[in-house]
All heavy atoms as atom14 arrays in JSON, in Angstrom:
{
  "sequence": "VSKAAVLSVGGYCELYDDPSMYGFEDSELVCALFESGLR",
  "atom14_mask": [
    [1, 1, 1, 1, 1, 1, 1, 0, 0, 0, 0, 0, 0, 0],
    [1, 1, 1, 1, 1, 1, 0, 0, 0, 0, 0, 0, 0, 0],
    [1, 1, 1, 1, 1, 1, 1, 1, 1, 0, 0, 0, 0, 0],
    [1, 1, 1, 1, 1, 0, 0, 0, 0, 0, 0, 0, 0, 0],
    [1, 1, 1, 1, 1, 0, 0, 0, 0, 0, 0, 0, 0, 0],
    [1, 1, 1, 1, 1, 1, 1, 0, 0, 0, 0, 0, 0, 0],
    [1, 1, 1, 1, 1, 1, 1, 1, 0, 0, 0, 0, 0, 0],
    [1, 1, 1, 1, 1, 1, 0, 0, 0, 0, 0, 0, 0, 0],
    [1, 1, 1, 1, 1, 1, 1, 0, 0, 0, 0, 0, 0, 0],
    [1, 1, 1, 1, 0, 0, 0, 0, 0, 0, 0, 0, 0, 0],
    [1, 1, 1, 1, 0, 0, 0, 0, 0, 0, 0, 0, 0, 0],
    [1, 1, 1, 1, 1, 1, 1, 1, 1, 1, 1, 1, 0, 0],
    [1, 1, 1, 1, 1, 1, 0, 0, 0, 0, 0, 0, 0, 0],
    [1, 1, 1, 1, 1, 1, 1, 1, 1, 0, 0, 0, 0, 0],
    [1, 1, 1, 1, 1, 1, 1, 1, 0, 0, 0, 0, 0, 0],
    [1, 1, 1, 1, 1, 1, 1, 1, 1, 1, 1, 1, 0, 0],
    [1, 1, 1, 1, 1, 1, 1, 1, 0, 0, 0, 0, 0, 0],
    [1, 1, 1, 1, 1, 1, 1, 1, 0, 0, 0, 0, 0, 0],
    [1, 1, 1, 1, 1, 1, 1, 0, 0, 0, 0, 0, 0, 0],
    [1, 1, 1, 1, 1, 1, 0, 0, 0, 0, 0, 0, 0, 0],
    [1, 1, 1, 1, 1, 1, 1, 1, 0, 0, 0, 0, 0, 0],
    [1, 1, 1, 1, 1, 1, 1, 1, 1, 1, 1, 1, 0, 0],
    [1, 1, 1, 1, 0, 0, 0, 0, 0, 0, 0, 0, 0, 0],
    [1, 1, 1, 1, 1, 1, 1, 1, 1, 1, 1, 0, 0, 0],
    [1, 1, 1, 1, 1, 1, 1, 1, 1, 0, 0, 0, 0, 0],
    [1, 1, 1, 1, 1, 1, 1, 1, 0, 0, 0, 0, 0, 0],
    [1, 1, 1, 1, 1, 1, 0, 0, 0, 0, 0, 0, 0, 0],
    [1, 1, 1, 1, 1, 1, 1, 1, 1, 0, 0, 0, 0, 0],
    [1, 1, 1, 1, 1, 1, 1, 1, 0, 0, 0, 0, 0, 0],
    [1, 1, 1, 1, 1, 1, 1, 0, 0, 0, 0, 0, 0, 0],
    [1, 1, 1, 1, 1, 1, 0, 0, 0, 0, 0, 0, 0, 0],
    [1, 1, 1, 1, 1, 0, 0, 0, 0, 0, 0, 0, 0, 0],
    [1, 1, 1, 1, 1, 1, 1, 1, 0, 0, 0, 0, 0, 0],
    [1, 1, 1, 1, 1, 1, 1, 1, 1, 1, 1, 0, 0, 0],
    [1, 1, 1, 1, 1, 1, 1, 1, 1, 0, 0, 0, 0, 0],
    [1, 1, 1, 1, 1, 1, 0, 0, 0, 0, 0, 0, 0, 0],
    [1, 1, 1, 1, 0, 0, 0, 0, 0, 0, 0, 0, 0, 0],
    [1, 1, 1, 1, 1, 1, 1, 1, 0, 0, 0, 0, 0, 0],
    [1, 1, 1, 1, 1, 1, 1, 1, 1, 1, 1, 0, 0, 0]
  ],
  "atom14_positions": [
    [[0.84, -1.18, 0.03], [0.02, -0.02, 0.0], [0.89, 1.2, -0.02], [2.09, 1.15, 0.42], [-0.91, -0.04, 1.27], [-0.13, 0.08, 2.55], [-2.02, 1.03, 1.18], [0.0, 0.0, 0.0], [0.0, 0.0, 0.0], [0.0, 0.0, 0.0], [0.0, 0.0, 0.0], [0.0, 0.0, 0.0], [0.0, 0.0, 0.0], [0.0, 0.0, 0.0]],
    [[0.4, 2.36, -0.44], [1.19, 3.57, -0.44], [1.39, 4.12, 0.99], [0.51, 4.0, 1.84], [0.55, 4.64, -1.33], [-0.48, 5.31, -0.66], [0.0, 0.0, 0.0], [0.0, 0.0, 0.0], [0.0, 0.0, 0.0], [0.0, 0.0, 0.0], [0.0, 0.0, 0.0], [0.0, 0.0, 0.0], [0.0, 0.0, 0.0], [0.0, 0.0, 0.0]],
    [[2.56, 4.64, 1.24], [2.83, 5.23, 2.54], [1.9, 6.41, 2.79], [1.4, 6.59, 3.89], [4.35, 5.69, 2.6], [4.77, 6.36, 3.88], [6.27, 6.72, 3.88], [6.63, 7.41, 5.17], [8.09, 7.76, 5.14], [0.0, 0.0, 0.0], [0.0, 0.0, 0.0], [0.0, 0.0, 0.0], [0.0, 0.0, 0.0], [0.0, 0.0, 0.0]],
    [[1.65, 7.23, 1.77], [0.76, 8.36, 1.95], [-0.66, 7.95, 2.37], [-1.26, 8.61, 3.18], [0.65, 9.17, 0.59], [0.0, 0.0, 0.0], [0.0, 0.0, 0.0], [0.0, 0.0, 0.0], [0.0, 0.0, 0.0], [0.0, 0.0, 0.0], [0.0, 0.0, 0.0], [0.0, 0.0, 0.0], [0.0, 0.0, 0.0], [0.0, 0.0, 0.0]],
    [[-1.15, 6.82, 1.83], [-2.47, 6.35, 2.19], [-2.52, 5.89, 3.67], [-3.48, 6.25, 4.4], [-2.92, 5.17, 1.3], [0.0, 0.0, 0.0], [0.0, 0.0, 0.0], [0.0, 0.0, 0.0], [0.0, 0.0, 0.0], [0.0, 0.0, 0.0], [0.0, 0.0, 0.0], [0.0, 0.0, 0.0], [0.0, 0.0, 0.0], [0.0, 0.0, 0.0]],
    [[-1.47, 5.26, 4.09], [-1.41, 4.82, 5.49], [-1.33, 6.02, 6.4], [-2.07, 6.07, 7.44], [-0.23, 3.84, 5.71], [-0.08, 3.57, 7.2], [-0.39, 2.54, 4.94], [0.0, 0.0, 0.0], [0.0, 0.0, 0.0], [0.0, 0.0, 0.0], [0.0, 0.0, 0.0], [0.0, 0.0, 0.0], [0.0, 0.0, 0.0], [0.0, 0.0, 0.0]],
    [[-0.5, 6.96, 6.08], [-0.42, 8.14, 6.95], [-1.66, 8.98, 6.92], [-1.97, 9.61, 7.96], [0.8, 9.02, 6.49], [2.22, 8.34, 6.65], [3.3, 9.27, 6.12], [2.46, 8.05, 8.16], [0.0, 0.0, 0.0], [0.0, 0.0, 0.0], [0.0, 0.0, 0.0], [0.0, 0.0, 0.0], [0.0, 0.0, 0.0], [0.0, 0.0, 0.0]],
    [[-2.4, 8.99, 5.81], [-3.6, 9.77, 5.72], [-4.68, 9.3, 6.69], [-5.57, 10.09, 7.1], [-4.12, 9.76, 4.29], [-4.78, 8.51, 3.97], [0.0, 0.0, 0.0], [0.0, 0.0, 0.0], [0.0, 0.0, 0.0], [0.0, 0.0, 0.0], [0.0, 0.0, 0.0], [0.0, 0.0, 0.0], [0.0, 0.0, 0.0], [0.0, 0.0, 0.0]],
    [[-4.66, 8.05, 7.09], [-5.63, 7.54, 8.07], [-5.03, 7.48, 9.46], [-5.63, 6.85, 10.4], [-6.19, 6.15, 7.63], [-6.92, 6.31, 6.32], [-5.11, 5.09, 7.55], [0.0, 0.0, 0.0], [0.0, 0.0, 0.0], [0.0, 0.0, 0.0], [0.0, 0.0, 0.0], [0.0, 0.0, 0.0], [0.0, 0.0, 0.0], [0.0, 0.0, 0.0]],
    [[-3.81, 8.03, 9.6], [-3.18, 8.03, 10.95], [-2.39, 6.8, 11.29], [-1.95, 6.66, 12.46], [0.0, 0.0, 0.0], [0.0, 0.0, 0.0], [0.0, 0.0, 0.0], [0.0, 0.0, 0.0], [0.0, 0.0, 0.0], [0.0, 0.0, 0.0], [0.0, 0.0, 0.0], [0.0, 0.0, 0.0], [0.0, 0.0, 0.0], [0.0, 0.0, 0.0]],
    [[-2.08, 5.98, 10.32], [-1.27, 4.81, 10.58], [-2.04, 3.79, 11.42], [-3.32, 3.76, 11.44], [0.0, 0.0, 0.0], [0.0, 0.0, 0.0], [0.0, 0.0, 0.0], [0.0, 0.0, 0.0], [0.0, 0.0, 0.0], [0.0, 0.0, 0.0], [0.0, 0.0, 0.0], [0.0, 0.0, 0.0], [0.0, 0.0, 0.0], [0.0, 0.0, 0.0]],
    [[-1.37, 3.01, 12.14], [-1.99, 2.01, 13.07], [-2.56, 2.7, 14.27], [-1.91, 3.6, 14.84], [-0.99, 0.96, 13.54], [-0.72, -0.13, 12.49], [0.2, 0.03, 11.46], [-1.37, -1.37, 12.54], [0.45, -0.91, 10.52], [-1.18, -2.36, 11.63], [-0.25, -2.14, 10.63], [-0.06, -3.11, 9.72], [0.0, 0.0, 0.0], [0.0, 0.0, 0.0]],
    [[-3.76, 2.34, 14.65], [-4.46, 3.02, 15.8], [-3.79, 2.57, 17.12], [-3.81, 1.39, 17.4], [-5.97, 2.67, 15.77], [-6.82, 3.27, 17.15], [0.0, 0.0, 0.0], [0.0, 0.0, 0.0], [0.0, 0.0, 0.0], [0.0, 0.0, 0.0], [0.0, 0.0, 0.0], [0.0, 0.0, 0.0], [0.0, 0.0, 0.0], [0.0, 0.0, 0.0]],
    [[-3.23, 3.52, 17.82], [-2.46, 3.18, 19.04], [-3.33, 2.87, 20.21], [-2.8, 2.45, 21.25], [-1.42, 4.28, 19.29], [-0.37, 4.39, 18.15], [0.64, 5.48, 18.33], [0.67, 6.09, 19.45], [1.36, 5.79, 17.36], [0.0, 0.0, 0.0], [0.0, 0.0, 0.0], [0.0, 0.0, 0.0], [0.0, 0.0, 0.0], [0.0, 0.0, 0.0]],
    [[-4.61, 3.0, 20.06], [-5.58, 2.53, 21.11], [-5.37, 1.03, 21.4], [-5.62, 0.56, 22.51], [-7.03, 2.84, 20.75], [-7.37, 4.27, 20.72], [-8.85, 4.44, 20.18], [-7.22, 4.95, 22.1], [0.0, 0.0, 0.0], [0.0, 0.0, 0.0], [0.0, 0.0, 0.0], [0.0, 0.0, 0.0], [0.0, 0.0, 0.0], [0.0, 0.0, 0.0]],
    [[-4.96, 0.28, 20.33], [-4.83, -1.2, 20.43], [-3.63, -1.59, 21.19], [-3.33, -2.73, 21.46], [-4.83, -1.8, 19.03], [-6.19, -1.71, 18.37], [-6.56, -0.6, 17.6], [-7.15, -2.75, 18.57], [-7.86, -0.52, 17.01], [-8.44, -2.67, 17.95], [-8.71, -1.54, 17.19], [-9.98, -1.48, 16.58], [0.0, 0.0, 0.0], [0.0, 0.0, 0.0]],
    [[-2.75, -0.61, 21.55], [-1.56, -0.89, 22.37], [-1.94, -1.08, 23.86], [-1.05, -1.45, 24.63], [-0.54, 0.23, 22.28], [0.27, 0.14, 20.99], [0.26, -0.94, 20.38], [0.87, 1.18, 20.58], [0.0, 0.0, 0.0], [0.0, 0.0, 0.0], [0.0, 0.0, 0.0], [0.0, 0.0, 0.0], [0.0, 0.0, 0.0], [0.0, 0.0, 0.0]],
    [[-3.17, -0.88, 24.19], [-3.63, -1.15, 25.55], [-3.32, -2.59, 25.9], [-3.78, -3.53, 25.16], [-5.17, -0.9, 25.62], [-5.77, -1.12, 27.01], [-5.17, -1.88, 27.8], [-6.85, -0.54, 27.25], [0.0, 0.0, 0.0], [0.0, 0.0, 0.0], [0.0, 0.0, 0.0], [0.0, 0.0, 0.0], [0.0, 0.0, 0.0], [0.0, 0.0, 0.0]],
    [[-2.51, -2.84, 26.91], [-2.15, -4.24, 27.25], [-3.27, -5.16, 27.62], [-3.11, -6.39, 27.68], [-1.17, -4.05, 28.44], [-1.5, -2.77, 29.0], [-1.97, -1.87, 27.84], [0.0, 0.0, 0.0], [0.0, 0.0, 0.0], [0.0, 0.0, 0.0], [0.0, 0.0, 0.0], [0.0, 0.0, 0.0], [0.0, 0.0, 0.0], [0.0, 0.0, 0.0]],
    [[-4.5, -4.61, 27.86], [-5.67, -5.45, 28.16], [-6.31, -5.9, 26.87], [-7.34, -6.67, 26.92], [-6.67, -4.74, 29.01], [-7.21, -3.59, 28.32], [0.0, 0.0, 0.0], [0.0, 0.0, 0.0], [0.0, 0.0, 0.0], [0.0, 0.0, 0.0], [0.0, 0.0, 0.0], [0.0, 0.0, 0.0], [0.0, 0.0, 0.0], [0.0, 0.0, 0.0]],
    [[-5.74, -5.55, 25.7], [-6.26, -5.97, 24.42], [-5.27, -6.86, 23.63], [-4.06, -6.78, 23.94], [-6.64, -4.78, 23.54], [-7.72, -3.89, 24.1], [-8.11, -2.6, 22.89], [-9.07, -1.42, 23.95], [0.0, 0.0, 0.0], [0.0, 0.0, 0.0], [0.0, 0.0, 0.0], [0.0, 0.0, 0.0], [0.0, 0.0, 0.0], [0.0, 0.0, 0.0]],
    [[-5.75, -7.6, 22.71], [-4.92, -8.36, 21.84], [-5.52, -8.46, 20.46], [-6.7, -8.86, 20.32], [-4.6, -9.75, 22.37], [-3.77, -10.6, 21.41], [-2.42, -10.38, 21.25], [-4.39, -11.61, 20.69], [-1.68, -11.13, 20.38], [-3.65, -12.4, 19.82], [-2.27, -12.15, 19.7], [-1.53, -12.85, 18.79], [0.0, 0.0, 0.0], [0.0, 0.0, 0.0]],
    [[-4.77, -8.09, 19.37], [-5.25, -8.26, 18.05], [-6.08, -7.16, 17.53], [-6.33, -6.13, 18.2], [0.0, 0.0, 0.0], [0.0, 0.0, 0.0], [0.0, 0.0, 0.0], [0.0, 0.0, 0.0], [0.0, 0.0, 0.0], [0.0, 0.0, 0.0], [0.0, 0.0, 0.0], [0.0, 0.0, 0.0], [0.0, 0.0, 0.0], [0.0, 0.0, 0.0]],
    [[-6.5, -7.26, 16.21], [-7.42, -6.38, 15.53], [-6.78, -5.04, 15.07], [-7.39, -4.24, 14.37], [-8.73, -6.08, 16.28], [-9.67, -7.21, 16.27], [-9.63, -8.2, 17.31], [-10.52, -7.41, 15.23], [-10.47, -9.27, 17.28], [-11.31, -8.53, 15.23], [-11.34, -9.42, 16.27], [0.0, 0.0, 0.0], [0.0, 0.0, 0.0], [0.0, 0.0, 0.0]],
    [[-5.47, -4.81, 15.39], [-4.88, -3.59, 14.92], [-4.75, -3.59, 13.37], [-4.87, -2.57, 12.69], [-3.49, -3.33, 15.58], [-2.36, -4.33, 15.16], [-2.49, -5.72, 15.81], [-3.23, -5.82, 16.85], [-1.88, -6.63, 15.31], [0.0, 0.0, 0.0], [0.0, 0.0, 0.0], [0.0, 0.0, 0.0], [0.0, 0.0, 0.0], [0.0, 0.0, 0.0]],
    [[-4.47, -4.79, 12.81], [-4.37, -4.91, 11.37], [-5.73, -4.7, 10.68], [-5.87, -3.98, 9.66], [-3.82, -6.28, 10.95], [-2.41, -6.45, 11.41], [-1.58, -5.58, 11.19], [-2.09, -7.55, 11.95], [0.0, 0.0, 0.0], [0.0, 0.0, 0.0], [0.0, 0.0, 0.0], [0.0, 0.0, 0.0], [0.0, 0.0, 0.0], [0.0, 0.0, 0.0]],
    [[-6.77, -5.34, 11.32], [-8.1, -5.13, 10.77], [-8.54, -3.68, 10.83], [-9.22, -3.19, 9.92], [-9.11, -6.01, 11.61], [-8.78, -7.4, 11.47], [0.0, 0.0, 0.0], [0.0, 0.0, 0.0], [0.0, 0.0, 0.0], [0.0, 0.0, 0.0], [0.0, 0.0, 0.0], [0.0, 0.0, 0.0], [0.0, 0.0, 0.0], [0.0, 0.0, 0.0]],
    [[-8.2, -3.02, 11.88], [-8.49, -1.58, 12.03], [-7.89, -0.78, 10.88], [-8.57, 0.08, 10.24], [-7.93, -1.08, 13.39], [-7.92, 0.41, 13.56], [-9.31, 0.95, 13.88], [-10.08, 0.25, 14.56], [-9.59, 2.11, 13.48], [0.0, 0.0, 0.0], [0.0, 0.0, 0.0], [0.0, 0.0, 0.0], [0.0, 0.0, 0.0], [0.0, 0.0, 0.0]],
    [[-6.62, -1.02, 10.57], [-5.98, -0.26, 9.54], [-6.59, -0.58, 8.19], [-6.84, 0.34, 7.39], [-4.47, -0.58, 9.43], [-3.71, 0.07, 8.3], [-3.74, 1.61, 8.46], [-2.29, -0.42, 8.27], [0.0, 0.0, 0.0], [0.0, 0.0, 0.0], [0.0, 0.0, 0.0], [0.0, 0.0, 0.0], [0.0, 0.0, 0.0], [0.0, 0.0, 0.0]],
    [[-6.88, -1.83, 7.86], [-7.48, -2.19, 6.59], [-8.83, -1.54, 6.44], [-9.18, -1.0, 5.36], [-7.59, -3.71, 6.43], [-8.38, -4.12, 5.24], [-6.2, -4.32, 6.4], [0.0, 0.0, 0.0], [0.0, 0.0, 0.0], [0.0, 0.0, 0.0], [0.0, 0.0, 0.0], [0.0, 0.0, 0.0], [0.0, 0.0, 0.0], [0.0, 0.0, 0.0]],
    [[-9.67, -1.57, 7.49], [-11.01, -0.89, 7.38], [-10.85, 0.57, 7.15], [-11.61, 1.15, 6.36], [-11.75, -1.22, 8.68], [-13.09, -2.42, 8.51], [0.0, 0.0, 0.0], [0.0, 0.0, 0.0], [0.0, 0.0, 0.0], [0.0, 0.0, 0.0], [0.0, 0.0, 0.0], [0.0, 0.0, 0.0], [0.0, 0.0, 0.0], [0.0, 0.0, 0.0]],
    [[-9.92, 1.19, 7.87], [-9.71, 2.63, 7.68], [-9.29, 2.96, 6.27], [-9.8, 3.89, 5.63], [-8.69, 3.16, 8.67], [0.0, 0.0, 0.0], [0.0, 0.0, 0.0], [0.0, 0.0, 0.0], [0.0, 0.0, 0.0], [0.0, 0.0, 0.0], [0.0, 0.0, 0.0], [0.0, 0.0, 0.0], [0.0, 0.0, 0.0], [0.0, 0.0, 0.0]],
    [[-8.45, 2.16, 5.69], [-8.0, 2.38, 4.29], [-9.16, 2.13, 3.32], [-9.32, 2.94, 2.35], [-6.85, 1.43, 3.97], [-5.48, 1.75, 4.65], [-4.51, 0.63, 4.5], [-4.96, 3.05, 4.14], [0.0, 0.0, 0.0], [0.0, 0.0, 0.0], [0.0, 0.0, 0.0], [0.0, 0.0, 0.0], [0.0, 0.0, 0.0], [0.0, 0.0, 0.0]],
    [[-9.93, 1.13, 3.56], [-11.11, 0.8, 2.75], [-12.08, 1.97, 2.72], [-12.64, 2.39, 1.72], [-11.77, -0.52, 3.08], [-12.81, -0.96, 2.24], [-12.52, -1.64, 1.04], [-14.17, -0.74, 2.52], [-13.5, -2.07, 0.19], [-15.15, -1.22, 1.69], [-14.87, -1.81, 0.47], [0.0, 0.0, 0.0], [0.0, 0.0, 0.0], [0.0, 0.0, 0.0]],
    [[-12.36, 2.46, 3.97], [-13.36, 3.58, 4.14], [-12.78, 4.89, 3.56], [-13.58, 5.75, 3.23], [-13.63, 3.71, 5.58], [-14.47, 2.57, 6.14], [-14.52, 2.51, 7.66], [-13.92, 3.39, 8.38], [-15.14, 1.51, 8.23], [0.0, 0.0, 0.0], [0.0, 0.0, 0.0], [0.0, 0.0, 0.0], [0.0, 0.0, 0.0], [0.0, 0.0, 0.0]],
    [[-11.49, 4.96, 3.34], [-10.89, 6.22, 2.76], [-10.99, 6.15, 1.28], [-10.65, 7.14, 0.57], [-9.41, 6.29, 3.18], [-8.56, 5.42, 2.52], [0.0, 0.0, 0.0], [0.0, 0.0, 0.0], [0.0, 0.0, 0.0], [0.0, 0.0, 0.0], [0.0, 0.0, 0.0], [0.0, 0.0, 0.0], [0.0, 0.0, 0.0], [0.0, 0.0, 0.0]],
    [[-11.39, 5.02, 0.65], [-11.57, 4.92, -0.76], [-10.68, 3.82, -1.44], [-10.85, 3.6, -2.61], [0.0, 0.0, 0.0], [0.0, 0.0, 0.0], [0.0, 0.0, 0.0], [0.0, 0.0, 0.0], [0.0, 0.0, 0.0], [0.0, 0.0, 0.0], [0.0, 0.0, 0.0], [0.0, 0.0, 0.0], [0.0, 0.0, 0.0], [0.0, 0.0, 0.0]],
    [[-9.76, 3.3, -0.76], [-8.89, 2.26, -1.36], [-9.67, 0.98, -1.57], [-10.58, 0.67, -0.83], [-7.67, 2.0, -0.52], [-6.36, 2.7, -0.86], [-6.56, 4.25, -0.63], [-5.19, 2.24, -0.04], [0.0, 0.0, 0.0], [0.0, 0.0, 0.0], [0.0, 0.0, 0.0], [0.0, 0.0, 0.0], [0.0, 0.0, 0.0], [0.0, 0.0, 0.0]],
    [[-9.33, 0.27, -2.58], [-9.87, -1.07, -2.91], [-8.82, -2.08, -2.82], [-7.6, -1.79, -2.9], [-10.68, -1.0, -4.19], [-11.92, -0.12, -4.13], [-12.9, -0.56, -3.08], [-14.02, 0.35, -2.85], [-14.12, 1.16, -1.87], [-13.18, 1.31, -0.95], [-15.22, 1.89, -1.73], [0.0, 0.0, 0.0], [0.0, 0.0, 0.0], [0.0, 0.0, 0.0]]
  ]
}
């Protein structure tokens, strides 16, 4: 994916760094990119 596209949605959401959570950071990024118009 383009670096610009990833940065435009803020990169990986750091809320998922909460140690009481595990996973879904990748799904979060993909959804954000899809919602921004990428296919």
